C-alpha cells in the first residue's frame, strides 16, 4: 500500500513541477514582451507639451495623468501643476494629439494646442 501511494505521488510531483515551470516561462515571455513593447513605443514615440488650465490641486493633476495614460498609444505622461502643462509621449500611429486634448477637455479642464517637445 505504501509503494502504491508513492507511485501516485510521483506523477503529481512531476505535474506540479511542470506546471510551475510553464508558469515561470509564461511570466518571462510576458515580461520580455512588455519590455519590447515599451521600448518600441518610446523608439517611435512623439512627445508633445500641452498647456492645461483649470488644474487647482494635486488631485486634478493625478486625474489628468491617469486618464491620459489609459489612452491606447500613450506611453508616458508627466503633469506639472506648477507649470500648468502636461508632457505626453505617444505613438502617432495609435493616437492623435487631438484625442489626447479631447480626453482632458472631457474631464472639465481646458487643454491648449500641443507643441512638439524639444
C-alpha atoms as a PDB file:
ATOM      1  CA  UNK A   1       0.000   0.000   0.000  1.00  0.00           C
ATOM      2  CA  UNK A   2       2.871   2.389   0.710  1.00  0.00           C
ATOM      3  CA  UNK A   3       4.501   1.592  -2.646  1.00  0.00           C
ATOM      4  CA  UNK A   4       1.271   2.260  -4.478  1.00  0.00           C
ATOM      5  CA  UNK A   5       0.836   5.565  -2.669  1.00  0.00           C
ATOM      6  CA  UNK A   6       4.404   6.574  -3.563  1.00  0.00           C
ATOM      7  CA  UNK A   7       3.768   5.766  -7.250  1.00  0.00           C
ATOM      8  CA  UNK A   8       0.710   8.004  -7.389  1.00  0.00           C
ATOM      9  CA  UNK A   9       2.513  10.881  -5.687  1.00  0.00           C
ATOM     10  CA  UNK A  10       5.472  10.842  -8.036  1.00  0.00           C
ATOM     11  CA  UNK A  11       3.442  11.800 -11.122  1.00  0.00           C
ATOM     12  CA  UNK A  12       1.675  14.527  -9.130  1.00  0.00           C
ATOM     13  CA  UNK A  13       5.004  15.967  -8.031  1.00  0.00           C
ATOM     14  CA  UNK A  14       6.191  15.959 -11.640  1.00  0.00           C
ATOM     15  CA  UNK A  15       2.961  17.591 -12.732  1.00  0.00           C
ATOM     16  CA  UNK A  16       3.324  20.323 -10.121  1.00  0.00           C
ATOM     17  CA  UNK A  17       6.937  20.883 -11.161  1.00  0.00           C
ATOM     18  CA  UNK A  18       5.948  21.007 -14.838  1.00  0.00           C
ATOM     19  CA  UNK A  19       3.124  23.470 -14.169  1.00  0.00           C
ATOM     20  CA  UNK A  20       5.483  25.644 -12.141  1.00  0.00           C
ATOM     21  CA  UNK A  21       7.975  25.638 -14.987  1.00  0.00           C
ATOM     22  CA  UNK A  22       5.279  26.554 -17.510  1.00  0.00           C
ATOM     23  CA  UNK A  23       4.067  29.408 -15.284  1.00  0.00           C
ATOM     24  CA  UNK A  24       7.618  30.695 -14.974  1.00  0.00           C
ATOM     25  CA  UNK A  25       8.143  30.567 -18.741  1.00  0.00           C
ATOM     26  CA  UNK A  26       4.875  32.417 -19.373  1.00  0.00           C
ATOM     27  CA  UNK A  27       5.890  35.100 -16.879  1.00  0.00           C
ATOM     28  CA  UNK A  28       9.284  35.532 -18.552  1.00  0.00           C
ATOM     29  CA  UNK A  29       7.752  35.709 -22.029  1.00  0.00           C
ATOM     30  CA  UNK A  30       5.197  38.266 -20.818  1.00  0.00           C
ATOM     31  CA  UNK A  31       7.905  40.399 -19.176  1.00  0.00           C
ATOM     32  CA  UNK A  32      10.061  40.332 -22.305  1.00  0.00           C
ATOM     33  CA  UNK A  33       7.059  41.239 -24.433  1.00  0.00           C
ATOM     34  CA  UNK A  34       6.181  44.172 -22.192  1.00  0.00           C
ATOM     35  CA  UNK A  35       9.768  45.431 -22.223  1.00  0.00           C
ATOM     36  CA  UNK A  36       9.904  45.162 -26.006  1.00  0.00           C
ATOM     37  CA  UNK A  37       6.539  46.885 -26.343  1.00  0.00           C
ATOM     38  CA  UNK A  38       7.589  49.767 -24.104  1.00  0.00           C
ATOM     39  CA  UNK A  39      10.893  50.144 -25.902  1.00  0.00           C
ATOM     40  CA  UNK A  40       9.255  50.157 -29.320  1.00  0.00           C
ATOM     41  CA  UNK A  41       6.644  52.712 -28.223  1.00  0.00           C
ATOM     42  CA  UNK A  42       9.375  55.023 -26.974  1.00  0.00           C
ATOM     43  CA  UNK A  43      11.528  54.492 -30.058  1.00  0.00           C
ATOM     44  CA  UNK A  44       8.800  55.674 -32.441  1.00  0.00           C
ATOM     45  CA  UNK A  45       7.014  57.897 -29.959  1.00  0.00           C
ATOM     46  CA  UNK A  46       6.403  61.601 -30.277  1.00  0.00           C
ATOM     47  CA  UNK A  47       6.450  63.887 -27.275  1.00  0.00           C
ATOM     48  CA  UNK A  48       4.277  66.983 -27.000  1.00  0.00           C
ATOM     49  CA  UNK A  49       3.766  69.580 -24.312  1.00  0.00           C
ATOM     50  CA  UNK A  50       0.167  70.660 -23.776  1.00  0.00           C
ATOM     51  CA  UNK A  51      -0.890  73.631 -21.647  1.00  0.00           C
ATOM     52  CA  UNK A  52      -3.761  72.782 -19.290  1.00  0.00           C
ATOM     53  CA  UNK A  53      -5.853  75.327 -17.437  1.00  0.00           C
ATOM     54  CA  UNK A  54      -8.310  74.584 -14.687  1.00  0.00           C
ATOM     55  CA  UNK A  55      -5.997  72.446 -12.548  1.00  0.00           C
ATOM     56  CA  UNK A  56      -6.028  73.672  -8.969  1.00  0.00           C
ATOM     57  CA  UNK A  57      -4.642  70.779  -6.919  1.00  0.00           C
ATOM     58  CA  UNK A  58      -2.602  67.599  -6.976  1.00  0.00           C
ATOM     59  CA  UNK A  59      -5.777  65.562  -7.352  1.00  0.00           C
ATOM     60  CA  UNK A  60      -6.596  67.414 -10.591  1.00  0.00           C
ATOM     61  CA  UNK A  61      -3.140  66.643 -11.977  1.00  0.00           C
ATOM     62  CA  UNK A  62      -3.435  62.980 -10.941  1.00  0.00           C
ATOM     63  CA  UNK A  63      -6.839  62.655 -12.622  1.00  0.00           C
ATOM     64  CA  UNK A  64      -5.491  64.088 -15.866  1.00  0.00           C
ATOM     65  CA  UNK A  65      -2.418  61.854 -15.746  1.00  0.00           C
ATOM     66  CA  UNK A  66      -4.445  58.698 -15.085  1.00  0.00           C
ATOM     67  CA  UNK A  67      -6.939  59.485 -17.848  1.00  0.00           C
ATOM     68  CA  UNK A  68      -4.337  60.289 -20.488  1.00  0.00           C
ATOM     69  CA  UNK A  69      -2.110  57.350 -19.508  1.00  0.00           C
ATOM     70  CA  UNK A  70      -5.063  54.982 -20.088  1.00  0.00           C
ATOM     71  CA  UNK A  71      -5.425  56.087 -23.719  1.00  0.00           C
ATOM     72  CA  UNK A  72      -4.184  53.357 -26.073  1.00  0.00           C
ATOM     73  CA  UNK A  73      -0.954  54.558 -27.676  1.00  0.00           C
ATOM     74  CA  UNK A  74       0.174  56.832 -24.832  1.00  0.00           C
ATOM     75  CA  UNK A  75       3.399  55.560 -23.288  1.00  0.00           C
ATOM     76  CA  UNK A  76       4.251  58.304 -20.804  1.00  0.00           C
ATOM     77  CA  UNK A  77       2.536  61.265 -19.149  1.00  0.00           C
ATOM     78  CA  UNK A  78       4.017  63.901 -16.852  1.00  0.00           C
ATOM     79  CA  UNK A  79       1.690  66.568 -15.457  1.00  0.00           C
ATOM     80  CA  UNK A  80       3.095  69.729 -13.873  1.00  0.00           C
ATOM     81  CA  UNK A  81       0.667  71.552 -11.630  1.00  0.00           C
ATOM     82  CA  UNK A  82       3.130  74.421 -11.144  1.00  0.00           C
ATOM     83  CA  UNK A  83       3.687  74.953 -14.883  1.00  0.00           C
ATOM     84  CA  UNK A  84       0.075  74.028 -15.767  1.00  0.00           C
ATOM     85  CA  UNK A  85       1.294  71.698 -18.510  1.00  0.00           C
ATOM     86  CA  UNK A  86       1.412  68.032 -19.370  1.00  0.00           C
ATOM     87  CA  UNK A  87       4.142  66.299 -21.333  1.00  0.00           C
ATOM     88  CA  UNK A  88       2.825  63.311 -23.282  1.00  0.00           C
ATOM     89  CA  UNK A  89       4.765  60.680 -25.214  1.00  0.00           C
ATOM     90  CA  UNK A  90       2.586  58.751 -27.629  1.00  0.00           C
ATOM     91  CA  UNK A  91       2.681  56.595 -30.761  1.00  0.00           C
ATOM     92  CA  UNK A  92       1.279  58.631 -33.681  1.00  0.00           C
ATOM     93  CA  UNK A  93       0.040  55.504 -35.476  1.00  0.00           C
ATOM     94  CA  UNK A  94      -2.181  54.656 -32.496  1.00  0.00           C
ATOM     95  CA  UNK A  95      -3.428  58.010 -31.142  1.00  0.00           C
ATOM     96  CA  UNK A  96      -3.544  61.654 -32.214  1.00  0.00           C
ATOM     97  CA  UNK A  97      -2.854  64.770 -30.143  1.00  0.00           C
ATOM     98  CA  UNK A  98      -6.473  65.795 -30.779  1.00  0.00           C
ATOM     99  CA  UNK A  99      -7.673  62.641 -28.990  1.00  0.00           C
ATOM    100  CA  UNK A 100      -5.442  63.442 -26.008  1.00  0.00           C
ATOM    101  CA  UNK A 101      -6.713  67.042 -25.862  1.00  0.00           C
ATOM    102  CA  UNK A 102     -10.325  65.839 -26.141  1.00  0.00           C
ATOM    103  CA  UNK A 103      -9.828  63.444 -23.203  1.00  0.00           C
ATOM    104  CA  UNK A 104      -8.556  66.279 -20.991  1.00  0.00           C
ATOM    105  CA  UNK A 105     -11.351  68.607 -22.099  1.00  0.00           C
ATOM    106  CA  UNK A 106     -13.916  65.895 -21.335  1.00  0.00           C
ATOM    107  CA  UNK A 107     -12.735  65.979 -17.710  1.00  0.00           C
ATOM    108  CA  UNK A 108     -13.673  69.658 -17.499  1.00  0.00           C
ATOM    109  CA  UNK A 109     -10.200  71.146 -17.923  1.00  0.00           C
ATOM    110  CA  UNK A 110      -9.072  73.218 -20.881  1.00  0.00           C
ATOM    111  CA  UNK A 111      -6.207  71.703 -22.854  1.00  0.00           C
ATOM    112  CA  UNK A 112      -4.426  74.036 -25.251  1.00  0.00           C
ATOM    113  CA  UNK A 113      -2.643  73.357 -28.518  1.00  0.00           C
ATOM    114  CA  UNK A 114       0.001  70.614 -28.276  1.00  0.00           C
ATOM    115  CA  UNK A 115       3.535  71.733 -29.121  1.00  0.00           C
ATOM    116  CA  UNK A 116       6.185  69.191 -30.074  1.00  0.00           C
ATOM    117  CA  UNK A 117       8.756  68.915 -27.279  1.00  0.00           C
ATOM    118  CA  UNK A 118      12.384  69.636 -27.970  1.00  0.00           C
END
